[in-house]
């Protein structure tokens, strides 16, 4: 199976280009920070890892 970083890279680059082209990098960065904080919370990590 391919590495997660390898799979995610094209999507991350496309998202970054879209934000850059829309002059919305600050909002994009804030959204990533929020997603990171949510994923770092142990309770949320359990929920995110359970498809049900």
Protein backbone atom coordinates (compact mmCIF):
# COMPACT_ATOMS: atom_id res chain seq x y z
CA UNK A 1 0.00 0.00 0.00
CA UNK A 2 1.22 3.49 -0.79
CA UNK A 3 2.32 5.77 2.01
CA UNK A 4 -0.32 8.18 3.30
CA UNK A 5 1.92 11.17 2.52
CA UNK A 6 2.30 9.98 -1.07
CA UNK A 7 -1.46 9.63 -1.48
CA UNK A 8 -2.27 12.94 0.25
CA UNK A 9 0.38 15.10 -1.44
CA UNK A 10 -1.48 15.81 -4.73
CA UNK A 11 -4.64 16.78 -2.81
CA UNK A 12 -2.69 19.03 -0.44
CA UNK A 13 -0.90 20.72 -3.33
CA UNK A 14 -4.15 21.27 -5.23
CA UNK A 15 -5.81 22.67 -2.10
CA UNK A 16 -2.89 25.01 -1.50
CA UNK A 17 -2.90 26.24 -5.11
CA UNK A 18 -6.65 26.87 -4.95
CA UNK A 19 -6.29 28.87 -1.71
CA UNK A 20 -3.31 30.79 -3.11
CA UNK A 21 -5.13 31.62 -6.35
CA UNK A 22 -8.16 32.82 -4.37
CA UNK A 23 -5.90 34.91 -2.09
CA UNK A 24 -7.25 32.89 0.84
CA UNK A 25 -4.10 31.45 2.42
CA UNK A 26 -4.92 32.83 5.88
CA UNK A 27 -8.27 31.05 5.93
CA UNK A 28 -6.69 27.88 4.55
CA UNK A 29 -4.05 27.98 7.26
CA UNK A 30 -6.64 28.53 9.98
CA UNK A 31 -8.68 25.61 8.70
CA UNK A 32 -5.64 23.34 8.76
CA UNK A 33 -4.81 24.44 12.30
CA UNK A 34 -8.36 23.67 13.42
CA UNK A 35 -8.30 20.26 11.71
CA UNK A 36 -4.98 19.52 13.39
CA UNK A 37 -6.31 20.50 16.80
CA UNK A 38 -9.38 18.31 16.33
CA UNK A 39 -7.29 15.34 15.19
CA UNK A 40 -4.92 15.82 18.15
CA UNK A 41 -7.76 15.49 20.66
CA UNK A 42 -7.79 11.86 21.82
CA UNK A 43 -11.59 11.70 21.94
CA UNK A 44 -11.88 13.00 18.39
CA UNK A 45 -9.10 10.71 17.16
CA UNK A 46 -11.16 7.74 18.35
CA UNK A 47 -14.22 9.02 16.51
CA UNK A 48 -12.29 9.85 13.35
CA UNK A 49 -10.81 6.36 13.29
CA UNK A 50 -14.22 4.66 13.49
CA UNK A 51 -16.17 4.67 10.22
CA UNK A 52 -19.43 3.77 11.99
